[in-house]
Amino acid sequence: MRFTYAEKRDAARGRVYSLETWLADFGGPKSKFPQHLIDDRKRELALMRDIASDYSRAAEKEKAA
């Protein structure tokens, strides 16, 4: 199965939204989750934002071609 860059971008954006929501709900200073788990989610969020940006640029190039 092959996915277009736009589909990959949309999937990455969905994951970004999911992580942002999780961090807003559970990533606060009084969280019952261990700090290392919160830090992992923050790192994953930064990575997924970067991936979404890369796929967005690739989708624009694909669309222009």
PDB file of N, CA and C in Angstrom:
ATOM      1  N   MET A   1       0.848  -1.173   0.000  1.00  0.00           N
ATOM      2  CA  MET A   1       0.000   0.000   0.000  1.00  0.00           C
ATOM      3  C   MET A   1       0.894   1.236   0.000  1.00  0.00           C
ATOM      4  N   ARG A   2       0.571   2.169  -0.883  1.00  0.00           N
ATOM      5  CA  ARG A   2       1.322   3.418  -0.942  1.00  0.00           C
ATOM      6  C   ARG A   2       0.426   4.574  -0.527  1.00  0.00           C
ATOM      7  N   PHE A   3       1.029   5.528   0.137  1.00  0.00           N
ATOM      8  CA  PHE A   3       0.309   6.712   0.571  1.00  0.00           C
ATOM      9  C   PHE A   3       0.925   7.935  -0.080  1.00  0.00           C
ATOM     10  N   THR A   4       0.093   8.910  -0.385  1.00  0.00           N
ATOM     11  CA  THR A   4       0.616  10.157  -0.922  1.00  0.00           C
ATOM     12  C   THR A   4       1.225  10.974   0.218  1.00  0.00           C
ATOM     13  N   TYR A   5       2.004  11.959  -0.158  1.00  0.00           N
ATOM     14  CA  TYR A   5       2.575  12.841   0.864  1.00  0.00           C
ATOM     15  C   TYR A   5       1.477  13.573   1.625  1.00  0.00           C
ATOM     16  N   ALA A   6       0.400  13.924   0.933  1.00  0.00           N
ATOM     17  CA  ALA A   6      -0.708  14.614   1.597  1.00  0.00           C
ATOM     18  C   ALA A   6      -1.360  13.699   2.645  1.00  0.00           C
ATOM     19  N   GLU A   7      -1.506  12.421   2.321  1.00  0.00           N
ATOM     20  CA  GLU A   7      -2.077  11.480   3.292  1.00  0.00           C
ATOM     21  C   GLU A   7      -1.152  11.312   4.491  1.00  0.00           C
ATOM     22  N   LYS A   8       0.143  11.247   4.240  1.00  0.00           N
ATOM     23  CA  LYS A   8       1.114  11.127   5.334  1.00  0.00           C
ATOM     24  C   LYS A   8       1.101  12.383   6.197  1.00  0.00           C
ATOM     25  N   ARG A   9       1.008  13.547   5.536  1.00  0.00           N
ATOM     26  CA  ARG A   9       0.933  14.818   6.272  1.00  0.00           C
ATOM     27  C   ARG A   9      -0.295  14.841   7.168  1.00  0.00           C
ATOM     28  N   ASP A  10      -1.423  14.429   6.633  1.00  0.00           N
ATOM     29  CA  ASP A  10      -2.669  14.449   7.404  1.00  0.00           C
ATOM     30  C   ASP A  10      -2.601  13.494   8.601  1.00  0.00           C
ATOM     31  N   ALA A  11      -1.979  12.339   8.408  1.00  0.00           N
ATOM     32  CA  ALA A  11      -1.820  11.390   9.515  1.00  0.00           C
ATOM     33  C   ALA A  11      -0.914  11.979  10.595  1.00  0.00           C
ATOM     34  N   ALA A  12       0.155  12.631  10.179  1.00  0.00           N
ATOM     35  CA  ALA A  12       1.066  13.249  11.141  1.00  0.00           C
ATOM     36  C   ALA A  12       0.365  14.382  11.888  1.00  0.00           C
ATOM     37  N   ARG A  13      -0.427  15.164  11.174  1.00  0.00           N
ATOM     38  CA  ARG A  13      -1.177  16.246  11.832  1.00  0.00           C
ATOM     39  C   ARG A  13      -2.182  15.695  12.836  1.00  0.00           C
ATOM     40  N   GLY A  14      -2.787  14.570  12.514  1.00  0.00           N
ATOM     41  CA  GLY A  14      -3.706  13.934  13.448  1.00  0.00           C
ATOM     42  C   GLY A  14      -2.997  13.508  14.718  1.00  0.00           C
ATOM     43  N   ARG A  15      -1.785  12.967  14.561  1.00  0.00           N
ATOM     44  CA  ARG A  15      -1.003  12.557  15.731  1.00  0.00           C
ATOM     45  C   ARG A  15      -0.591  13.789  16.538  1.00  0.00           C
ATOM     46  N   VAL A  16      -0.241  14.877  15.861  1.00  0.00           N
ATOM     47  CA  VAL A  16       0.109  16.121  16.556  1.00  0.00           C
ATOM     48  C   VAL A  16      -1.071  16.578  17.408  1.00  0.00           C
ATOM     49  N   TYR A  17      -2.254  16.569  16.820  1.00  0.00           N
ATOM     50  CA  TYR A  17      -3.452  16.979  17.568  1.00  0.00           C
ATOM     51  C   TYR A  17      -3.661  16.079  18.784  1.00  0.00           C
ATOM     52  N   SER A  18      -3.511  14.786  18.587  1.00  0.00           N
ATOM     53  CA  SER A  18      -3.690  13.832  19.678  1.00  0.00           C
ATOM     54  C   SER A  18      -2.700  14.093  20.815  1.00  0.00           C
ATOM     55  N   LEU A  19      -1.450  14.318  20.469  1.00  0.00           N
ATOM     56  CA  LEU A  19      -0.431  14.574  21.492  1.00  0.00           C
ATOM     57  C   LEU A  19      -0.666  15.900  22.200  1.00  0.00           C
ATOM     58  N   GLU A  20      -1.047  16.931  21.438  1.00  0.00           N
ATOM     59  CA  GLU A  20      -1.334  18.226  22.054  1.00  0.00           C
ATOM     60  C   GLU A  20      -2.488  18.110  23.047  1.00  0.00           C
ATOM     61  N   THR A  21      -3.518  17.370  22.659  1.00  0.00           N
ATOM     62  CA  THR A  21      -4.671  17.170  23.538  1.00  0.00           C
ATOM     63  C   THR A  21      -4.266  16.416  24.797  1.00  0.00           C
ATOM     64  N   TRP A  22      -3.484  15.343  24.618  1.00  0.00           N
ATOM     65  CA  TRP A  22      -3.045  14.552  25.769  1.00  0.00           C
ATOM     66  C   TRP A  22      -2.217  15.408  26.726  1.00  0.00           C
ATOM     67  N   LEU A  23      -1.294  16.181  26.177  1.00  0.00           N
ATOM     68  CA  LEU A  23      -0.447  17.019  27.029  1.00  0.00           C
ATOM     69  C   LEU A  23      -1.265  18.102  27.735  1.00  0.00           C
ATOM     70  N   ALA A  24      -2.249  18.662  27.056  1.00  0.00           N
ATOM     71  CA  ALA A  24      -3.095  19.676  27.688  1.00  0.00           C
ATOM     72  C   ALA A  24      -3.902  19.068  28.834  1.00  0.00           C
ATOM     73  N   ASP A  25      -4.349  17.841  28.654  1.00  0.00           N
ATOM     74  CA  ASP A  25      -5.172  17.184  29.674  1.00  0.00           C
ATOM     75  C   ASP A  25      -4.349  16.583  30.809  1.00  0.00           C
ATOM     76  N   PHE A  26      -3.200  16.005  30.482  1.00  0.00           N
ATOM     77  CA  PHE A  26      -2.462  15.216  31.474  1.00  0.00           C
ATOM     78  C   PHE A  26      -1.018  15.653  31.714  1.00  0.00           C
ATOM     79  N   GLY A  27      -0.542  16.665  30.991  1.00  0.00           N
ATOM     80  CA  GLY A  27       0.871  17.030  31.087  1.00  0.00           C
ATOM     81  C   GLY A  27       1.173  18.162  32.042  1.00  0.00           C
ATOM     82  N   GLY A  28       0.215  18.547  32.847  1.00  0.00           N
ATOM     83  CA  GLY A  28       0.408  19.662  33.765  1.00  0.00           C
ATOM     84  C   GLY A  28       1.266  19.300  34.961  1.00  0.00           C
ATOM     85  N   PRO A  29       1.582  20.293  35.780  1.00  0.00           N
ATOM     86  CA  PRO A  29       2.465  20.069  36.927  1.00  0.00           C
ATOM     87  C   PRO A  29       1.890  19.113  37.982  1.00  0.00           C
ATOM     88  N   LYS A  30       0.576  18.970  38.033  1.00  0.00           N
ATOM     89  CA  LYS A  30      -0.029  18.081  39.029  1.00  0.00           C
ATOM     90  C   LYS A  30      -0.438  16.745  38.407  1.00  0.00           C
ATOM     91  N   SER A  31       0.200  16.401  37.309  1.00  0.00           N
ATOM     92  CA  SER A  31      -0.133  15.166  36.606  1.00  0.00           C
ATOM     93  C   SER A  31       0.206  13.934  37.439  1.00  0.00           C
ATOM     94  N   LYS A  32      -0.622  12.903  37.288  1.00  0.00           N
ATOM     95  CA  LYS A  32      -0.358  11.638  37.970  1.00  0.00           C
ATOM     96  C   LYS A  32       0.546  10.743  37.123  1.00  0.00           C
ATOM     97  N   PHE A  33       0.849  11.203  35.900  1.00  0.00           N
ATOM     98  CA  PHE A  33       1.729  10.434  35.024  1.00  0.00           C
ATOM     99  C   PHE A  33       3.180  10.736  35.367  1.00  0.00           C
ATOM    100  N   PRO A  34       4.067   9.764  35.221  1.00  0.00           N
ATOM    101  CA  PRO A  34       5.490   9.999  35.502  1.00  0.00           C
ATOM    102  C   PRO A  34       6.063  11.052  34.541  1.00  0.00           C
ATOM    103  N   GLN A  35       6.998  11.831  35.044  1.00  0.00           N
ATOM    104  CA  GLN A  35       7.574  12.915  34.245  1.00  0.00           C
ATOM    105  C   GLN A  35       8.241  12.387  32.975  1.00  0.00           C
ATOM    106  N   HIS A  36       8.866  11.213  33.048  1.00  0.00           N
ATOM    107  CA  HIS A  36       9.533  10.694  31.849  1.00  0.00           C
ATOM    108  C   HIS A  36       8.516  10.395  30.741  1.00  0.00           C
ATOM    109  N   LEU A  37       7.305  10.024  31.088  1.00  0.00           N
ATOM    110  CA  LEU A  37       6.274   9.780  30.085  1.00  0.00           C
ATOM    111  C   LEU A  37       5.838  11.096  29.441  1.00  0.00           C
ATOM    112  N   ILE A  38       5.692  12.117  30.245  1.00  0.00           N
ATOM    113  CA  ILE A  38       5.334  13.444  29.724  1.00  0.00           C
ATOM    114  C   ILE A  38       6.443  13.960  28.813  1.00  0.00           C
ATOM    115  N   ASP A  39       7.696  13.785  29.233  1.00  0.00           N
ATOM    116  CA  ASP A  39       8.833  14.205  28.410  1.00  0.00           C
ATOM    117  C   ASP A  39       8.874  13.452  27.084  1.00  0.00           C
ATOM    118  N   ASP A  40       8.559  12.154  27.116  1.00  0.00           N
ATOM    119  CA  ASP A  40       8.509  11.353  25.885  1.00  0.00           C
ATOM    120  C   ASP A  40       7.444  11.883  24.941  1.00  0.00           C
ATOM    121  N   ARG A  41       6.285  12.231  25.486  1.00  0.00           N
ATOM    122  CA  ARG A  41       5.195  12.763  24.650  1.00  0.00           C
ATOM    123  C   ARG A  41       5.595  14.115  24.044  1.00  0.00           C
ATOM    124  N   LYS A  42       6.270  14.946  24.817  1.00  0.00           N
ATOM    125  CA  LYS A  42       6.718  16.241  24.296  1.00  0.00           C
ATOM    126  C   LYS A  42       7.731  16.053  23.175  1.00  0.00           C
ATOM    127  N   ARG A  43       8.624  15.093  23.339  1.00  0.00           N
ATOM    128  CA  ARG A  43       9.619  14.807  22.294  1.00  0.00           C
ATOM    129  C   ARG A  43       8.924  14.283  21.037  1.00  0.00           C
ATOM    130  N   GLU A  44       7.974  13.379  21.223  1.00  0.00           N
ATOM    131  CA  GLU A  44       7.235  12.846  20.082  1.00  0.00           C
ATOM    132  C   GLU A  44       6.453  13.948  19.378  1.00  0.00           C
ATOM    133  N   LEU A  45       5.888  14.875  20.142  1.00  0.00           N
ATOM    134  CA  LEU A  45       5.155  15.988  19.561  1.00  0.00           C
ATOM    135  C   LEU A  45       6.072  16.826  18.672  1.00  0.00           C
ATOM    136  N   ALA A  46       7.243  17.157  19.165  1.00  0.00           N
ATOM    137  CA  ALA A  46       8.193  17.939  18.364  1.00  0.00           C
ATOM    138  C   ALA A  46       8.567  17.187  17.086  1.00  0.00           C
ATOM    139  N   LEU A  47       8.789  15.894  17.203  1.00  0.00           N
ATOM    140  CA  LEU A  47       9.140  15.077  16.045  1.00  0.00           C
ATOM    141  C   LEU A  47       7.987  15.030  15.042  1.00  0.00           C
ATOM    142  N   MET A  48       6.775  14.821  15.509  1.00  0.00           N
ATOM    143  CA  MET A  48       5.630  14.733  14.602  1.00  0.00           C
ATOM    144  C   MET A  48       5.342  16.071  13.925  1.00  0.00           C
ATOM    145  N   ARG A  49       5.575  17.171  14.627  1.00  0.00           N
ATOM    146  CA  ARG A  49       5.420  18.488  13.985  1.00  0.00           C
ATOM    147  C   ARG A  49       6.417  18.641  12.844  1.00  0.00           C
ATOM    148  N   ASP A  50       7.644  18.197  13.074  1.00  0.00           N
ATOM    149  CA  ASP A  50       8.680  18.263  12.050  1.00  0.00           C
ATOM    150  C   ASP A  50       8.327  17.373  10.856  1.00  0.00           C
ATOM    151  N   ILE A  51       7.858  16.171  11.140  1.00  0.00           N
ATOM    152  CA  ILE A  51       7.456  15.244  10.084  1.00  0.00           C
ATOM    153  C   ILE A  51       6.298  15.827   9.274  1.00  0.00           C
ATOM    154  N   ALA A  52       5.304  16.388   9.944  1.00  0.00           N
ATOM    155  CA  ALA A  52       4.157  16.988   9.259  1.00  0.00           C
ATOM    156  C   ALA A  52       4.614  18.132   8.354  1.00  0.00           C
ATOM    157  N   SER A  53       5.551  18.914   8.836  1.00  0.00           N
ATOM    158  CA  SER A  53       6.084  20.011   8.036  1.00  0.00           C
ATOM    159  C   SER A  53       6.813  19.485   6.800  1.00  0.00           C
ATOM    160  N   ASP A  54       7.626  18.458   6.979  1.00  0.00           N
ATOM    161  CA  ASP A  54       8.351  17.864   5.851  1.00  0.00           C
ATOM    162  C   ASP A  54       7.381  17.316   4.809  1.00  0.00           C
ATOM    163  N   TYR A  55       6.359  16.594   5.263  1.00  0.00           N
ATOM    164  CA  TYR A  55       5.384  16.032   4.327  1.00  0.00           C
ATOM    165  C   TYR A  55       4.551  17.117   3.662  1.00  0.00           C
ATOM    166  N   SER A  56       4.317  18.209   4.358  1.00  0.00           N
ATOM    167  CA  SER A  56       3.575  19.311   3.773  1.00  0.00           C
ATOM    168  C   SER A  56       4.351  19.913   2.605  1.00  0.00           C
ATOM    169  N   ARG A  57       5.642  20.121   2.801  1.00  0.00           N
ATOM    170  CA  ARG A  57       6.485  20.633   1.713  1.00  0.00           C
ATOM    171  C   ARG A  57       6.522  19.643   0.548  1.00  0.00           C
ATOM    172  N   ALA A  58       6.656  18.372   0.852  1.00  0.00           N
ATOM    173  CA  ALA A  58       6.704  17.345  -0.193  1.00  0.00           C
ATOM    174  C   ALA A  58       5.377  17.277  -0.953  1.00  0.00           C
ATOM    175  N   ALA A  59       4.260  17.440  -0.243  1.00  0.00           N
ATOM    176  CA  ALA A  59       2.950  17.407  -0.897  1.00  0.00           C
ATOM    177  C   ALA A  59       2.787  18.584  -1.851  1.00  0.00           C
ATOM    178  N   GLU A  60       3.289  19.742  -1.451  1.00  0.00           N
ATOM    179  CA  GLU A  60       3.220  20.909  -2.327  1.00  0.00           C
ATOM    180  C   GLU A  60       4.060  20.695  -3.589  1.00  0.00           C
ATOM    181  N   LYS A  61       5.245  20.125  -3.436  1.00  0.00           N
ATOM    182  CA  LYS A  61       6.087  19.830  -4.603  1.00  0.00           C
ATOM    183  C   LYS A  61       5.411  18.797  -5.497  1.00  0.00           C
ATOM    184  N   GLU A  62       4.796  17.779  -4.895  1.00  0.00           N
ATOM    185  CA  GLU A  62       4.114  16.738  -5.650  1.00  0.00           C
ATOM    186  C   GLU A  62       2.929  17.316  -6.429  1.00  0.00           C
ATOM    187  N   LYS A  63       2.223  18.240  -5.793  1.00  0.00           N
ATOM    188  CA  LYS A  63       1.068  18.864  -6.410  1.00  0.00           C
ATOM    189  C   LYS A  63       1.483  19.764  -7.589  1.00  0.00           C
ATOM    190  N   ALA A  64       2.628  20.413  -7.440  1.00  0.00           N
ATOM    191  CA  ALA A  64       3.121  21.316  -8.476  1.00  0.00           C
ATOM    192  C   ALA A  64       3.666  20.575  -9.680  1.00  0.00           C
ATOM    193  N   ALA A  65       4.082  19.336  -9.471  1.00  0.00           N
ATOM    194  CA  ALA A  65       4.704  18.572 -10.574  1.00  0.00           C
ATOM    195  C   ALA A  65       3.690  18.029 -11.557  1.00  0.00           C
TER     196      ALA A  65
END
